[in-house]
């Protein structure tokens, strides 16, 4: 997918459009849900695949139910990881390096 120039061009145009053409206080882009998902996005990126592997055996019986449980549990696990690991480590590193 990433080797296709049309895909890269399309994504580049979307990125530039969102970054430069949409006003900063747009109600669609600035909301609490988006802020929350942005805050936990790295943990979500790292932990969504292990979560899927843990829940995958139940996907055959009820795929729609599996999808809902998968999304909710991925978000919950990512949030807990953010609270327990990511945020305290970030604060400790900033304190150690004396960065505000």
N, C-alpha and C. Protein backbone atom coordinates (compact mmCIF):
# COMPACT_ATOMS: atom_id res chain seq x y z
N UNK A 1 0.82 -1.18 0.00
CA UNK A 1 0.00 0.00 0.00
C UNK A 1 0.87 1.26 0.00
N UNK A 2 1.93 1.29 0.81
CA UNK A 2 2.75 2.49 0.93
C UNK A 2 3.66 2.70 -0.26
N UNK A 3 3.82 1.69 -1.10
CA UNK A 3 4.65 1.85 -2.30
C UNK A 3 3.86 2.46 -3.45
N UNK A 4 2.54 2.53 -3.32
CA UNK A 4 1.68 3.09 -4.35
C UNK A 4 1.73 4.62 -4.27
N UNK A 5 2.16 5.26 -5.34
CA UNK A 5 2.31 6.72 -5.35
C UNK A 5 0.98 7.45 -5.21
N UNK A 6 -0.09 6.87 -5.70
CA UNK A 6 -1.40 7.50 -5.57
C UNK A 6 -1.82 7.55 -4.11
N UNK A 7 -1.59 6.47 -3.38
CA UNK A 7 -1.91 6.44 -1.95
C UNK A 7 -1.09 7.48 -1.21
N UNK A 8 0.20 7.53 -1.46
CA UNK A 8 1.07 8.50 -0.79
C UNK A 8 0.67 9.93 -1.13
N UNK A 9 0.36 10.19 -2.38
CA UNK A 9 -0.05 11.52 -2.80
C UNK A 9 -1.38 11.91 -2.12
N UNK A 10 -2.33 10.98 -2.11
CA UNK A 10 -3.62 11.25 -1.48
C UNK A 10 -3.49 11.53 0.00
N UNK A 11 -2.70 10.73 0.69
CA UNK A 11 -2.50 10.95 2.12
C UNK A 11 -1.76 12.26 2.38
N UNK A 12 -0.81 12.60 1.51
CA UNK A 12 -0.10 13.87 1.65
C UNK A 12 -1.04 15.05 1.49
N UNK A 13 -1.91 14.99 0.50
CA UNK A 13 -2.89 16.06 0.29
C UNK A 13 -3.83 16.16 1.50
N UNK A 14 -4.29 15.02 2.02
CA UNK A 14 -5.16 15.04 3.21
C UNK A 14 -4.44 15.67 4.40
N UNK A 15 -3.19 15.27 4.63
CA UNK A 15 -2.42 15.78 5.75
C UNK A 15 -2.24 17.29 5.65
N UNK A 16 -1.83 17.77 4.47
CA UNK A 16 -1.62 19.21 4.27
C UNK A 16 -2.94 19.96 4.43
N UNK A 17 -4.03 19.40 3.92
CA UNK A 17 -5.33 20.05 4.05
C UNK A 17 -5.76 20.18 5.50
N UNK A 18 -5.61 19.12 6.26
CA UNK A 18 -6.00 19.16 7.67
C UNK A 18 -5.09 20.09 8.44
N UNK A 19 -3.81 20.06 8.16
CA UNK A 19 -2.84 20.85 8.90
C UNK A 19 -2.95 22.34 8.62
N UNK A 20 -3.15 22.71 7.36
CA UNK A 20 -3.07 24.13 7.00
C UNK A 20 -4.39 24.78 6.62
N UNK A 21 -5.38 24.03 6.20
CA UNK A 21 -6.60 24.65 5.69
C UNK A 21 -7.78 24.66 6.65
N UNK A 22 -7.74 23.84 7.69
CA UNK A 22 -8.85 23.80 8.65
C UNK A 22 -8.51 24.72 9.82
N UNK A 23 -9.43 25.61 10.20
CA UNK A 23 -9.14 26.52 11.31
C UNK A 23 -8.83 25.79 12.62
N UNK A 24 -8.08 26.43 13.48
CA UNK A 24 -7.60 25.80 14.71
C UNK A 24 -8.75 25.42 15.65
N UNK A 25 -9.79 26.19 15.74
CA UNK A 25 -10.89 25.93 16.68
C UNK A 25 -12.08 25.23 16.02
N UNK A 26 -11.82 24.35 15.08
CA UNK A 26 -12.87 23.62 14.40
C UNK A 26 -13.52 22.65 15.38
N UNK A 27 -14.86 22.65 15.44
CA UNK A 27 -15.57 21.82 16.42
C UNK A 27 -15.41 20.32 16.16
N UNK A 28 -15.11 19.93 14.94
CA UNK A 28 -14.93 18.51 14.64
C UNK A 28 -13.56 18.03 15.12
N UNK A 29 -12.55 18.87 14.96
CA UNK A 29 -11.19 18.45 15.30
C UNK A 29 -10.80 18.73 16.74
N UNK A 30 -11.44 19.68 17.38
CA UNK A 30 -11.07 19.94 18.79
C UNK A 30 -12.25 19.58 19.67
N UNK A 31 -12.14 18.41 20.27
CA UNK A 31 -13.16 17.93 21.20
C UNK A 31 -12.50 17.02 22.23
N UNK A 32 -13.19 16.74 23.29
CA UNK A 32 -12.61 15.98 24.40
C UNK A 32 -12.28 14.53 24.02
N UNK A 33 -13.11 13.92 23.20
CA UNK A 33 -12.84 12.55 22.78
C UNK A 33 -11.56 12.48 21.94
N UNK A 34 -11.41 13.41 21.00
CA UNK A 34 -10.20 13.45 20.19
C UNK A 34 -8.97 13.72 21.02
N UNK A 35 -9.08 14.61 22.00
CA UNK A 35 -7.95 14.89 22.90
C UNK A 35 -7.57 13.65 23.70
N UNK A 36 -8.59 12.94 24.21
CA UNK A 36 -8.34 11.72 24.98
C UNK A 36 -7.66 10.66 24.13
N UNK A 37 -8.20 10.42 22.93
CA UNK A 37 -7.61 9.40 22.06
C UNK A 37 -6.21 9.80 21.61
N UNK A 38 -5.98 11.09 21.43
CA UNK A 38 -4.63 11.56 21.10
C UNK A 38 -3.66 11.34 22.24
N UNK A 39 -4.15 11.51 23.46
CA UNK A 39 -3.30 11.33 24.64
C UNK A 39 -2.87 9.87 24.80
N UNK A 40 -3.78 8.94 24.52
CA UNK A 40 -3.45 7.52 24.70
C UNK A 40 -3.04 6.85 23.39
N UNK A 41 -2.85 7.63 22.33
CA UNK A 41 -2.64 7.04 21.00
C UNK A 41 -1.40 6.15 20.92
N UNK A 42 -0.31 6.53 21.58
CA UNK A 42 0.89 5.71 21.50
C UNK A 42 0.67 4.37 22.21
N UNK A 43 0.08 4.41 23.40
CA UNK A 43 -0.23 3.16 24.10
C UNK A 43 -1.21 2.32 23.29
N UNK A 44 -2.17 2.97 22.68
CA UNK A 44 -3.15 2.26 21.86
C UNK A 44 -2.47 1.60 20.66
N UNK A 45 -1.55 2.32 20.06
CA UNK A 45 -0.79 1.77 18.93
C UNK A 45 0.01 0.54 19.35
N UNK A 46 0.65 0.61 20.51
CA UNK A 46 1.48 -0.51 20.96
C UNK A 46 0.66 -1.71 21.42
N UNK A 47 -0.51 -1.48 21.99
CA UNK A 47 -1.23 -2.57 22.67
C UNK A 47 -2.45 -3.09 21.93
N UNK A 48 -2.82 -2.50 20.80
CA UNK A 48 -4.02 -2.99 20.13
C UNK A 48 -3.84 -4.39 19.55
N UNK A 49 -2.66 -4.71 19.05
CA UNK A 49 -2.44 -6.03 18.47
C UNK A 49 -2.40 -7.14 19.52
N UNK A 50 -1.68 -6.97 20.65
CA UNK A 50 -1.76 -8.01 21.68
C UNK A 50 -3.18 -8.20 22.23
N UNK A 51 -3.93 -7.11 22.30
CA UNK A 51 -5.33 -7.22 22.76
C UNK A 51 -6.13 -8.05 21.77
N UNK A 52 -5.93 -7.80 20.49
CA UNK A 52 -6.65 -8.58 19.47
C UNK A 52 -6.27 -10.06 19.53
N UNK A 53 -5.00 -10.34 19.74
CA UNK A 53 -4.56 -11.74 19.82
C UNK A 53 -5.21 -12.45 21.02
N UNK A 54 -5.34 -11.73 22.13
CA UNK A 54 -5.97 -12.33 23.31
C UNK A 54 -7.45 -12.62 23.10
N UNK A 55 -8.13 -11.76 22.36
CA UNK A 55 -9.58 -11.90 22.18
C UNK A 55 -9.97 -12.63 20.89
N UNK A 56 -9.02 -12.95 20.04
CA UNK A 56 -9.30 -13.44 18.70
C UNK A 56 -10.08 -14.75 18.66
N UNK A 57 -9.90 -15.63 19.61
CA UNK A 57 -10.60 -16.93 19.58
C UNK A 57 -12.11 -16.77 19.71
N UNK A 58 -12.56 -15.63 20.24
CA UNK A 58 -14.01 -15.40 20.40
C UNK A 58 -14.62 -14.70 19.19
N UNK A 59 -13.81 -14.33 18.22
CA UNK A 59 -14.29 -13.57 17.07
C UNK A 59 -15.18 -14.39 16.15
N UNK A 60 -14.99 -15.68 16.09
CA UNK A 60 -15.74 -16.52 15.16
C UNK A 60 -17.21 -16.60 15.56
N UNK A 61 -17.48 -16.69 16.83
CA UNK A 61 -18.85 -16.87 17.30
C UNK A 61 -19.72 -15.63 17.13
N UNK A 62 -19.17 -14.45 17.40
CA UNK A 62 -19.95 -13.21 17.32
C UNK A 62 -19.03 -12.07 16.87
N UNK A 63 -18.86 -11.90 15.56
CA UNK A 63 -17.89 -10.91 15.08
C UNK A 63 -18.22 -9.47 15.45
N UNK A 64 -19.47 -9.08 15.44
CA UNK A 64 -19.83 -7.70 15.80
C UNK A 64 -19.58 -7.46 17.28
N UNK A 65 -19.99 -8.40 18.11
CA UNK A 65 -19.74 -8.29 19.54
C UNK A 65 -18.24 -8.26 19.82
N UNK A 66 -17.48 -9.10 19.11
CA UNK A 66 -16.03 -9.12 19.26
C UNK A 66 -15.44 -7.75 18.94
N UNK A 67 -15.89 -7.12 17.85
CA UNK A 67 -15.36 -5.83 17.44
C UNK A 67 -15.60 -4.77 18.52
N UNK A 68 -16.79 -4.74 19.06
CA UNK A 68 -17.11 -3.77 20.12
C UNK A 68 -16.26 -4.02 21.36
N UNK A 69 -16.17 -5.26 21.79
CA UNK A 69 -15.35 -5.60 22.96
C UNK A 69 -13.88 -5.31 22.69
N UNK A 70 -13.42 -5.59 21.49
CA UNK A 70 -12.03 -5.35 21.12
C UNK A 70 -11.69 -3.86 21.19
N UNK A 71 -12.53 -3.01 20.62
CA UNK A 71 -12.29 -1.56 20.64
C UNK A 71 -12.31 -1.05 22.07
N UNK A 72 -13.32 -1.41 22.83
CA UNK A 72 -13.44 -0.92 24.21
C UNK A 72 -12.29 -1.42 25.09
N UNK A 73 -11.93 -2.69 24.95
CA UNK A 73 -10.84 -3.21 25.78
C UNK A 73 -9.49 -2.64 25.35
N UNK A 74 -9.29 -2.40 24.07
CA UNK A 74 -8.05 -1.77 23.61
C UNK A 74 -7.91 -0.37 24.19
N UNK A 75 -8.98 0.39 24.18
CA UNK A 75 -8.94 1.74 24.73
C UNK A 75 -8.71 1.70 26.23
N UNK A 76 -9.37 0.77 26.92
CA UNK A 76 -9.20 0.67 28.37
C UNK A 76 -7.76 0.26 28.73
N UNK A 77 -7.21 -0.71 28.05
CA UNK A 77 -5.85 -1.17 28.32
C UNK A 77 -4.84 -0.06 28.00
N UNK A 78 -5.07 0.64 26.90
CA UNK A 78 -4.17 1.74 26.54
C UNK A 78 -4.24 2.86 27.57
N UNK A 79 -5.42 3.16 28.08
CA UNK A 79 -5.57 4.20 29.09
C UNK A 79 -4.86 3.80 30.39
N UNK A 80 -5.01 2.55 30.79
CA UNK A 80 -4.33 2.08 32.00
C UNK A 80 -2.81 2.11 31.80
N UNK A 81 -2.35 1.73 30.64
CA UNK A 81 -0.92 1.80 30.34
C UNK A 81 -0.42 3.24 30.37
N UNK A 82 -1.23 4.15 29.86
CA UNK A 82 -0.87 5.56 29.89
C UNK A 82 -0.75 6.06 31.33
N UNK A 83 -1.74 5.68 32.16
CA UNK A 83 -1.74 6.14 33.56
C UNK A 83 -0.61 5.51 34.39
N UNK A 84 -0.37 4.22 34.19
CA UNK A 84 0.55 3.48 35.05
C UNK A 84 2.00 3.56 34.57
N UNK A 85 2.21 3.57 33.25
CA UNK A 85 3.57 3.51 32.72
C UNK A 85 4.00 4.80 32.02
N UNK A 86 3.26 5.18 30.99
CA UNK A 86 3.72 6.26 30.12
C UNK A 86 3.80 7.61 30.83
N UNK A 87 2.74 8.03 31.48
CA UNK A 87 2.72 9.34 32.12
C UNK A 87 3.73 9.45 33.27
N UNK A 88 3.81 8.49 34.20
CA UNK A 88 4.83 8.60 35.26
C UNK A 88 6.26 8.60 34.72
N UNK A 89 6.54 7.78 33.70
CA UNK A 89 7.89 7.77 33.12
C UNK A 89 8.21 9.10 32.44
N UNK A 90 7.24 9.66 31.74
CA UNK A 90 7.46 10.95 31.09
C UNK A 90 7.77 12.02 32.12
N UNK A 91 7.02 12.02 33.22
CA UNK A 91 7.26 13.00 34.29
C UNK A 91 8.63 12.79 34.93
N UNK A 92 9.01 11.55 35.16
CA UNK A 92 10.31 11.26 35.77
C UNK A 92 11.46 11.68 34.86
N UNK A 93 11.32 11.42 33.58
CA UNK A 93 12.37 11.81 32.63
C UNK A 93 12.49 13.32 32.56
N UNK A 94 11.35 14.02 32.51
CA UNK A 94 11.39 15.48 32.47
C UNK A 94 12.00 16.06 33.75
N UNK A 95 11.68 15.43 34.87
CA UNK A 95 12.24 15.90 36.15
C UNK A 95 13.75 15.67 36.17
N UNK A 96 14.17 14.50 35.70
CA UNK A 96 15.59 14.16 35.67
C UNK A 96 16.38 15.09 34.76
N UNK A 97 15.79 15.42 33.61
CA UNK A 97 16.44 16.30 32.65
C UNK A 97 16.15 17.78 32.90
N UNK A 98 15.34 18.05 33.92
CA UNK A 98 14.95 19.42 34.29
C UNK A 98 14.28 20.16 33.13
N UNK A 99 13.33 19.46 32.50
CA UNK A 99 12.53 20.04 31.42
C UNK A 99 11.15 20.32 31.99
N UNK A 100 10.65 21.50 31.78
CA UNK A 100 9.29 21.83 32.27
C UNK A 100 8.30 21.31 31.34
